[in-house]
Amino acid sequence: MTVNEAVRALGTAIQADPRYQAYMQAKQANDANAALQEKLGAFHLKRMALQQESGKESADREKLMQLDTAVNTLYAEIMEDPGMQQFQQAKQQMDRLVQEVDTIITLCVNGEDPATCHPDLSHCTGDCSSCGGCQKCRCCHLSLLTKIVL
């Protein structure tokens, strides 16, 4: 089996995983939710207007405050939607699966035994800004490699 064949088999396994199925179902449900899509559209338009206004040399502070309030209100409404909450939970599980796969691949590339290496993500949040340098995630490992090379 070639690497490309193995990766395609991995893709098939990921798409058969219940976490992927839950993610896709939640995504499709949100895509079909007209009220949610309308709020998302309004959110994006208000956010673009906020960015445009804040980019002006003489931005209107009152308008900025109104747009900021509108953006925050729409965001809160979107995140309160049960479908969006379900999607966020499914996305977190899917992101965790992808992170585990990525960690295993990285460990293998670095010489670990593919049959026994384990992605210990118990201390890794996936947010590199809060990381103390666990050396287990890709960001920390690349940071370590950069220090060694330089």
N, C-alpha and C. Protein backbone atom coordinates (compact mmCIF):
# COMPACT_ATOMS: atom_id res chain seq x y z
N MET A 1 0.85 -1.17 0.00
CA MET A 1 0.00 0.00 0.00
C MET A 1 0.90 1.24 0.00
N THR A 2 0.59 2.19 -0.87
CA THR A 2 1.35 3.44 -0.92
C THR A 2 0.82 4.40 0.16
N VAL A 3 1.59 5.44 0.41
CA VAL A 3 1.17 6.44 1.38
C VAL A 3 -0.15 7.07 0.93
N ASN A 4 -0.27 7.40 -0.36
CA ASN A 4 -1.51 8.01 -0.85
C ASN A 4 -2.70 7.07 -0.67
N GLU A 5 -2.50 5.79 -0.91
CA GLU A 5 -3.58 4.82 -0.72
C GLU A 5 -3.97 4.75 0.76
N ALA A 6 -2.96 4.78 1.63
CA ALA A 6 -3.24 4.73 3.07
C ALA A 6 -4.00 5.98 3.52
N VAL A 7 -3.63 7.14 2.99
CA VAL A 7 -4.32 8.38 3.35
C VAL A 7 -5.76 8.35 2.86
N ARG A 8 -5.98 7.81 1.67
CA ARG A 8 -7.36 7.70 1.17
C ARG A 8 -8.18 6.73 2.04
N ALA A 9 -7.54 5.66 2.49
CA ALA A 9 -8.23 4.73 3.40
C ALA A 9 -8.53 5.43 4.73
N LEU A 10 -7.60 6.25 5.19
CA LEU A 10 -7.83 7.03 6.40
C LEU A 10 -9.02 7.98 6.21
N GLY A 11 -9.07 8.64 5.05
CA GLY A 11 -10.20 9.52 4.76
C GLY A 11 -11.52 8.78 4.79
N THR A 12 -11.54 7.58 4.25
CA THR A 12 -12.75 6.75 4.27
C THR A 12 -13.13 6.39 5.71
N ALA A 13 -12.13 6.05 6.52
CA ALA A 13 -12.39 5.71 7.93
C ALA A 13 -12.90 6.92 8.70
N ILE A 14 -12.34 8.08 8.43
CA ILE A 14 -12.81 9.30 9.10
C ILE A 14 -14.26 9.57 8.74
N GLN A 15 -14.61 9.44 7.46
CA GLN A 15 -15.98 9.70 7.05
C GLN A 15 -16.97 8.67 7.59
N ALA A 16 -16.48 7.50 7.99
CA ALA A 16 -17.34 6.48 8.59
C ALA A 16 -17.45 6.65 10.10
N ASP A 17 -16.62 7.50 10.69
CA ASP A 17 -16.61 7.71 12.14
C ASP A 17 -17.88 8.44 12.58
N PRO A 18 -18.46 8.05 13.71
CA PRO A 18 -19.68 8.71 14.20
C PRO A 18 -19.50 10.21 14.46
N ARG A 19 -18.29 10.63 14.82
CA ARG A 19 -18.04 12.06 15.06
C ARG A 19 -18.16 12.85 13.76
N TYR A 20 -17.67 12.28 12.68
CA TYR A 20 -17.80 12.92 11.38
C TYR A 20 -19.27 12.97 10.97
N GLN A 21 -19.97 11.85 11.16
CA GLN A 21 -21.39 11.79 10.79
C GLN A 21 -22.19 12.84 11.56
N ALA A 22 -21.93 12.98 12.87
CA ALA A 22 -22.64 13.97 13.68
C ALA A 22 -22.32 15.38 13.22
N TYR A 23 -21.06 15.62 12.89
CA TYR A 23 -20.63 16.94 12.40
C TYR A 23 -21.35 17.30 11.10
N MET A 24 -21.38 16.37 10.16
CA MET A 24 -22.01 16.64 8.87
C MET A 24 -23.53 16.82 9.02
N GLN A 25 -24.15 16.02 9.88
CA GLN A 25 -25.59 16.17 10.09
C GLN A 25 -25.91 17.54 10.69
N ALA A 26 -25.12 17.96 11.68
CA ALA A 26 -25.35 19.26 12.31
C ALA A 26 -25.10 20.39 11.31
N LYS A 27 -24.08 20.25 10.48
CA LYS A 27 -23.78 21.26 9.47
C LYS A 27 -24.92 21.36 8.46
N GLN A 28 -25.40 20.23 7.99
CA GLN A 28 -26.49 20.23 7.01
C GLN A 28 -27.77 20.80 7.61
N ALA A 29 -28.03 20.48 8.88
CA ALA A 29 -29.22 21.02 9.54
C ALA A 29 -29.13 22.54 9.64
N ASN A 30 -27.95 23.06 9.98
CA ASN A 30 -27.77 24.51 10.05
C ASN A 30 -27.89 25.16 8.68
N ASP A 31 -27.36 24.50 7.66
CA ASP A 31 -27.46 25.03 6.30
C ASP A 31 -28.92 25.11 5.85
N ALA A 32 -29.75 24.21 6.32
CA ALA A 32 -31.16 24.17 5.94
C ALA A 32 -32.04 25.07 6.83
N ASN A 33 -31.49 25.60 7.90
CA ASN A 33 -32.24 26.44 8.84
C ASN A 33 -32.25 27.88 8.31
N ALA A 34 -33.35 28.26 7.67
CA ALA A 34 -33.45 29.57 7.01
C ALA A 34 -33.29 30.72 8.00
N ALA A 35 -33.89 30.61 9.18
CA ALA A 35 -33.79 31.68 10.17
C ALA A 35 -32.35 31.87 10.63
N LEU A 36 -31.66 30.76 10.85
CA LEU A 36 -30.26 30.83 11.27
C LEU A 36 -29.41 31.42 10.14
N GLN A 37 -29.66 31.00 8.91
CA GLN A 37 -28.88 31.52 7.78
C GLN A 37 -29.11 33.02 7.61
N GLU A 38 -30.33 33.47 7.87
CA GLU A 38 -30.61 34.90 7.78
C GLU A 38 -29.82 35.67 8.84
N LYS A 39 -29.78 35.14 10.06
CA LYS A 39 -29.00 35.79 11.12
C LYS A 39 -27.50 35.78 10.79
N LEU A 40 -27.03 34.68 10.23
CA LEU A 40 -25.62 34.60 9.85
C LEU A 40 -25.29 35.63 8.77
N GLY A 41 -26.18 35.78 7.81
CA GLY A 41 -25.98 36.78 6.76
C GLY A 41 -25.96 38.18 7.33
N ALA A 42 -26.91 38.47 8.22
CA ALA A 42 -26.96 39.79 8.86
C ALA A 42 -25.70 40.04 9.69
N PHE A 43 -25.24 39.01 10.39
CA PHE A 43 -24.03 39.10 11.19
C PHE A 43 -22.83 39.47 10.31
N HIS A 44 -22.67 38.77 9.21
CA HIS A 44 -21.54 39.03 8.32
C HIS A 44 -21.60 40.45 7.73
N LEU A 45 -22.80 40.89 7.36
CA LEU A 45 -22.94 42.24 6.82
C LEU A 45 -22.60 43.29 7.87
N LYS A 46 -23.09 43.11 9.08
CA LYS A 46 -22.80 44.07 10.16
C LYS A 46 -21.31 44.05 10.50
N ARG A 47 -20.71 42.87 10.49
CA ARG A 47 -19.28 42.77 10.80
C ARG A 47 -18.45 43.46 9.72
N MET A 48 -18.84 43.30 8.46
CA MET A 48 -18.14 43.99 7.37
C MET A 48 -18.30 45.51 7.50
N ALA A 49 -19.49 45.94 7.86
CA ALA A 49 -19.72 47.38 8.04
C ALA A 49 -18.88 47.90 9.20
N LEU A 50 -18.77 47.12 10.26
CA LEU A 50 -17.94 47.51 11.40
C LEU A 50 -16.47 47.61 10.99
N GLN A 51 -16.00 46.64 10.22
CA GLN A 51 -14.62 46.68 9.76
C GLN A 51 -14.36 47.87 8.86
N GLN A 52 -15.31 48.15 7.97
CA GLN A 52 -15.15 49.29 7.06
C GLN A 52 -15.12 50.60 7.84
N GLU A 53 -16.03 50.74 8.78
CA GLU A 53 -16.09 51.98 9.56
C GLU A 53 -14.85 52.14 10.43
N SER A 54 -14.39 51.05 11.03
CA SER A 54 -13.20 51.16 11.89
C SER A 54 -11.93 51.41 11.07
N GLY A 55 -11.97 51.10 9.79
CA GLY A 55 -10.82 51.33 8.93
C GLY A 55 -10.74 52.76 8.40
N LYS A 56 -11.79 53.51 8.60
CA LYS A 56 -11.80 54.90 8.14
C LYS A 56 -10.89 55.75 9.02
N GLU A 57 -10.28 56.74 8.39
CA GLU A 57 -9.39 57.63 9.12
C GLU A 57 -10.14 58.43 10.18
N SER A 58 -11.35 58.86 9.83
CA SER A 58 -12.17 59.61 10.79
C SER A 58 -13.45 58.81 11.08
N ALA A 59 -13.28 57.69 11.73
CA ALA A 59 -14.42 56.81 12.03
C ALA A 59 -15.37 57.48 13.01
N ASP A 60 -16.65 57.27 12.78
CA ASP A 60 -17.70 57.80 13.64
C ASP A 60 -17.83 56.87 14.85
N ARG A 61 -17.46 57.39 16.03
CA ARG A 61 -17.46 56.56 17.24
C ARG A 61 -18.85 56.04 17.58
N GLU A 62 -19.85 56.87 17.39
CA GLU A 62 -21.23 56.46 17.68
C GLU A 62 -21.64 55.31 16.76
N LYS A 63 -21.33 55.46 15.50
CA LYS A 63 -21.66 54.40 14.53
C LYS A 63 -20.89 53.13 14.86
N LEU A 64 -19.63 53.26 15.25
CA LEU A 64 -18.83 52.09 15.64
C LEU A 64 -19.47 51.36 16.83
N MET A 65 -19.92 52.13 17.81
CA MET A 65 -20.55 51.52 18.99
C MET A 65 -21.84 50.81 18.61
N GLN A 66 -22.65 51.43 17.74
CA GLN A 66 -23.90 50.82 17.31
C GLN A 66 -23.63 49.52 16.53
N LEU A 67 -22.67 49.58 15.62
CA LEU A 67 -22.34 48.38 14.84
C LEU A 67 -21.77 47.29 15.73
N ASP A 68 -20.93 47.67 16.67
CA ASP A 68 -20.35 46.68 17.59
C ASP A 68 -21.45 46.01 18.42
N THR A 69 -22.39 46.79 18.90
CA THR A 69 -23.52 46.24 19.66
C THR A 69 -24.34 45.30 18.79
N ALA A 70 -24.61 45.72 17.56
CA ALA A 70 -25.39 44.88 16.65
C ALA A 70 -24.67 43.56 16.36
N VAL A 71 -23.36 43.63 16.12
CA VAL A 71 -22.57 42.42 15.85
C VAL A 71 -22.62 41.49 17.06
N ASN A 72 -22.41 42.03 18.24
CA ASN A 72 -22.42 41.20 19.45
C ASN A 72 -23.78 40.60 19.74
N THR A 73 -24.83 41.36 19.48
CA THR A 73 -26.20 40.86 19.68
C THR A 73 -26.51 39.72 18.72
N LEU A 74 -26.18 39.92 17.46
CA LEU A 74 -26.41 38.86 16.47
C LEU A 74 -25.59 37.61 16.80
N TYR A 75 -24.34 37.81 17.20
CA TYR A 75 -23.49 36.67 17.56
C TYR A 75 -24.12 35.88 18.71
N ALA A 76 -24.58 36.58 19.72
CA ALA A 76 -25.21 35.91 20.87
C ALA A 76 -26.45 35.14 20.44
N GLU A 77 -27.26 35.74 19.58
CA GLU A 77 -28.47 35.06 19.09
C GLU A 77 -28.11 33.81 18.29
N ILE A 78 -27.09 33.91 17.47
CA ILE A 78 -26.65 32.77 16.67
C ILE A 78 -26.16 31.65 17.57
N MET A 79 -25.35 32.00 18.57
CA MET A 79 -24.78 30.98 19.44
C MET A 79 -25.81 30.37 20.39
N GLU A 80 -26.93 31.04 20.60
CA GLU A 80 -28.00 30.50 21.44
C GLU A 80 -28.88 29.51 20.68
N ASP A 81 -28.79 29.51 19.38
CA ASP A 81 -29.61 28.62 18.56
C ASP A 81 -29.23 27.16 18.87
N PRO A 82 -30.21 26.32 19.17
CA PRO A 82 -29.91 24.91 19.50
C PRO A 82 -29.14 24.19 18.39
N GLY A 83 -29.45 24.49 17.15
CA GLY A 83 -28.73 23.87 16.04
C GLY A 83 -27.27 24.28 16.02
N MET A 84 -27.00 25.55 16.31
CA MET A 84 -25.63 26.03 16.34
C MET A 84 -24.88 25.42 17.53
N GLN A 85 -25.56 25.27 18.65
CA GLN A 85 -24.92 24.64 19.80
C GLN A 85 -24.57 23.19 19.49
N GLN A 86 -25.47 22.49 18.85
CA GLN A 86 -25.21 21.11 18.46
C GLN A 86 -24.04 21.06 17.47
N PHE A 87 -24.02 21.99 16.52
CA PHE A 87 -22.94 22.05 15.55
C PHE A 87 -21.60 22.30 16.25
N GLN A 88 -21.58 23.24 17.20
CA GLN A 88 -20.34 23.56 17.91
C GLN A 88 -19.81 22.35 18.67
N GLN A 89 -20.70 21.60 19.31
CA GLN A 89 -20.28 20.39 20.03
C GLN A 89 -19.73 19.35 19.06
N ALA A 90 -20.41 19.16 17.95
CA ALA A 90 -19.96 18.19 16.95
C ALA A 90 -18.63 18.64 16.34
N LYS A 91 -18.48 19.94 16.11
CA LYS A 91 -17.24 20.47 15.55
C LYS A 91 -16.08 20.26 16.51
N GLN A 92 -16.32 20.46 17.79
CA GLN A 92 -15.26 20.23 18.79
C GLN A 92 -14.80 18.78 18.76
N GLN A 93 -15.75 17.87 18.65
CA GLN A 93 -15.38 16.45 18.59
C GLN A 93 -14.62 16.13 17.30
N MET A 94 -15.05 16.74 16.21
CA MET A 94 -14.37 16.52 14.93
C MET A 94 -12.97 17.12 14.95
N ASP A 95 -12.83 18.31 15.52
CA ASP A 95 -11.52 18.94 15.65
C ASP A 95 -10.59 18.08 16.50
N ARG A 96 -11.13 17.50 17.54
CA ARG A 96 -10.33 16.62 18.42
C ARG A 96 -9.85 15.39 17.64
N LEU A 97 -10.73 14.80 16.83
CA LEU A 97 -10.35 13.65 16.01
C LEU A 97 -9.22 14.02 15.05
N VAL A 98 -9.36 15.16 14.38
CA VAL A 98 -8.34 15.60 13.44
C VAL A 98 -7.02 15.86 14.17
N GLN A 99 -7.10 16.45 15.35
CA GLN A 99 -5.89 16.73 16.13
C GLN A 99 -5.20 15.42 16.54
N GLU A 100 -5.98 14.43 16.92
CA GLU A 100 -5.41 13.13 17.29
C GLU A 100 -4.71 12.48 16.09
N VAL A 101 -5.37 12.52 14.94
CA VAL A 101 -4.78 11.95 13.72
C VAL A 101 -3.49 12.68 13.37
N ASP A 102 -3.54 14.00 13.41
CA ASP A 102 -2.36 14.81 13.10
C ASP A 102 -1.21 14.50 14.07
N THR A 103 -1.53 14.33 15.33
CA THR A 103 -0.49 14.03 16.33
C THR A 103 0.13 12.66 16.07
N ILE A 104 -0.69 11.69 15.76
CA ILE A 104 -0.16 10.35 15.46
C ILE A 104 0.76 10.40 14.24
N ILE A 105 0.33 11.10 13.20
CA ILE A 105 1.16 11.22 12.00
C ILE A 105 2.48 11.90 12.34
N THR A 106 2.42 12.98 13.11
CA THR A 106 3.64 13.69 13.50
C THR A 106 4.56 12.79 14.31
N LEU A 107 3.99 12.03 15.24
CA LEU A 107 4.80 11.12 16.03
C LEU A 107 5.47 10.08 15.14
N CYS A 108 4.74 9.56 14.18
CA CYS A 108 5.31 8.56 13.27
C CYS A 108 6.41 9.15 12.40
N VAL A 109 6.20 10.36 11.91
CA VAL A 109 7.22 11.02 11.10
C VAL A 109 8.49 11.24 11.91
N ASN A 110 8.33 11.39 13.20
CA ASN A 110 9.48 11.61 14.08
C ASN A 110 10.07 10.32 14.64
N GLY A 111 9.65 9.18 14.07
CA GLY A 111 10.28 7.92 14.42
C GLY A 111 9.57 7.07 15.45
N GLU A 112 8.43 7.51 15.94
CA GLU A 112 7.69 6.70 16.91
C GLU A 112 7.11 5.47 16.22
N ASP A 113 6.86 4.44 17.00
CA ASP A 113 6.29 3.20 16.48
C ASP A 113 4.81 3.45 16.15
N PRO A 114 4.43 3.30 14.87
CA PRO A 114 3.03 3.55 14.49
C PRO A 114 2.03 2.69 15.24
N ALA A 115 2.45 1.51 15.66
CA ALA A 115 1.53 0.60 16.34
C ALA A 115 1.32 0.96 17.80
N THR A 116 2.24 1.70 18.40
CA THR A 116 2.13 1.94 19.84
C THR A 116 2.12 3.42 20.23
N CYS A 117 2.46 4.33 19.33
CA CYS A 117 2.48 5.74 19.74
C CYS A 117 1.06 6.19 20.07
N HIS A 118 0.97 7.09 21.02
CA HIS A 118 -0.34 7.54 21.48
C HIS A 118 -0.36 9.06 21.55
N PRO A 119 -1.40 9.66 20.99
CA PRO A 119 -1.49 11.12 21.06
C PRO A 119 -2.01 11.58 22.41
N ASP A 120 -1.13 11.88 23.34
CA ASP A 120 -1.54 12.35 24.66
C ASP A 120 -1.92 13.81 24.55
N LEU A 121 -3.20 14.06 24.35
CA LEU A 121 -3.68 15.42 24.20
C LEU A 121 -4.33 15.94 25.48
N SER A 122 -4.09 15.24 26.58
CA SER A 122 -4.75 15.62 27.82
C SER A 122 -4.34 17.01 28.30
N HIS A 123 -3.15 17.45 27.94
CA HIS A 123 -2.70 18.76 28.38
C HIS A 123 -2.70 19.77 27.24
N CYS A 124 -3.00 19.33 26.06
CA CYS A 124 -2.96 20.21 24.90
C CYS A 124 -4.37 20.69 24.59
N THR A 125 -4.55 22.01 24.62
CA THR A 125 -5.87 22.59 24.34
C THR A 125 -6.07 22.84 22.86
N GLY A 126 -4.98 22.78 22.09
CA GLY A 126 -5.07 23.11 20.68
C GLY A 126 -4.92 24.60 20.44
N ASP A 127 -4.89 25.38 21.51
CA ASP A 127 -4.70 26.82 21.42
C ASP A 127 -3.27 27.13 21.80
N CYS A 128 -2.45 27.38 20.82
CA CYS A 128 -1.02 27.56 21.04
C CYS A 128 -0.70 28.76 21.91
N SER A 129 -1.62 29.73 21.98
CA SER A 129 -1.34 30.92 22.78
C SER A 129 -1.34 30.61 24.28
N SER A 130 -2.00 29.52 24.68
CA SER A 130 -2.05 29.18 26.10
C SER A 130 -1.11 28.04 26.45
N CYS A 131 -0.29 27.63 25.49
CA CYS A 131 0.54 26.44 25.67
C CYS A 131 1.87 26.78 26.33
N GLY A 132 2.29 25.90 27.22
CA GLY A 132 3.58 26.06 27.87
C GLY A 132 4.68 25.29 27.16
N GLY A 133 4.38 24.71 26.04
CA GLY A 133 5.40 23.97 25.30
C GLY A 133 5.36 22.48 25.60
N CYS A 134 4.24 21.85 25.33
CA CYS A 134 4.04 20.44 25.67
C CYS A 134 4.88 19.50 24.81
N GLN A 135 5.33 19.95 23.65
CA GLN A 135 6.10 19.16 22.69
C GLN A 135 5.31 18.00 22.11
N LYS A 136 4.03 17.92 22.39
CA LYS A 136 3.21 16.84 21.85
C LYS A 136 2.41 17.29 20.63
N CYS A 137 2.02 18.55 20.61
CA CYS A 137 1.25 19.03 19.47
C CYS A 137 2.21 19.49 18.37
N ARG A 138 1.67 19.64 17.20
CA ARG A 138 2.49 20.00 16.05
C ARG A 138 3.15 21.36 16.23
N CYS A 139 2.42 22.32 16.80
CA CYS A 139 2.99 23.66 16.97
C CYS A 139 4.20 23.62 17.89
N CYS A 140 4.07 22.92 19.01
CA CYS A 140 5.19 22.84 19.96
C CYS A 140 6.35 22.07 19.34
N HIS A 141 6.03 21.02 18.63
CA HIS A 141 7.10 20.23 18.03
C HIS A 141 7.85 21.04 16.98
N LEU A 142 7.13 21.77 16.16
CA LEU A 142 7.78 22.61 15.15
C LEU A 142 8.60 23.70 15.82
N SER A 143 8.10 24.24 16.93
CA SER A 143 8.85 25.24 17.67
C SER A 143 10.15 24.65 18.19
N LEU A 144 10.10 23.45 18.70
CA LEU A 144 11.30 22.77 19.19
C LEU A 144 12.27 22.52 18.06
N LEU A 145 11.77 22.07 16.92
CA LEU A 145 12.63 21.82 15.77
C LEU A 145 13.32 23.10 15.32
N THR A 146 12.60 24.19 15.32
CA THR A 146 13.18 25.47 14.92
C THR A 146 14.32 25.85 15.86
N LYS A 147 14.13 25.64 17.16
CA LYS A 147 15.17 25.97 18.14
C LYS A 147 16.41 25.09 17.92
N ILE A 148 16.17 23.82 17.61
CA ILE A 148 17.29 22.89 17.41
C ILE A 148 18.06 23.25 16.15
N VAL A 149 17.34 23.56 15.07
CA VAL A 149 17.98 23.88 13.80
C VAL A 149 18.74 25.19 13.89
N LEU A 150 18.16 26.19 14.55
CA LEU A 150 18.81 27.48 14.65
C LEU A 150 19.87 27.42 15.71
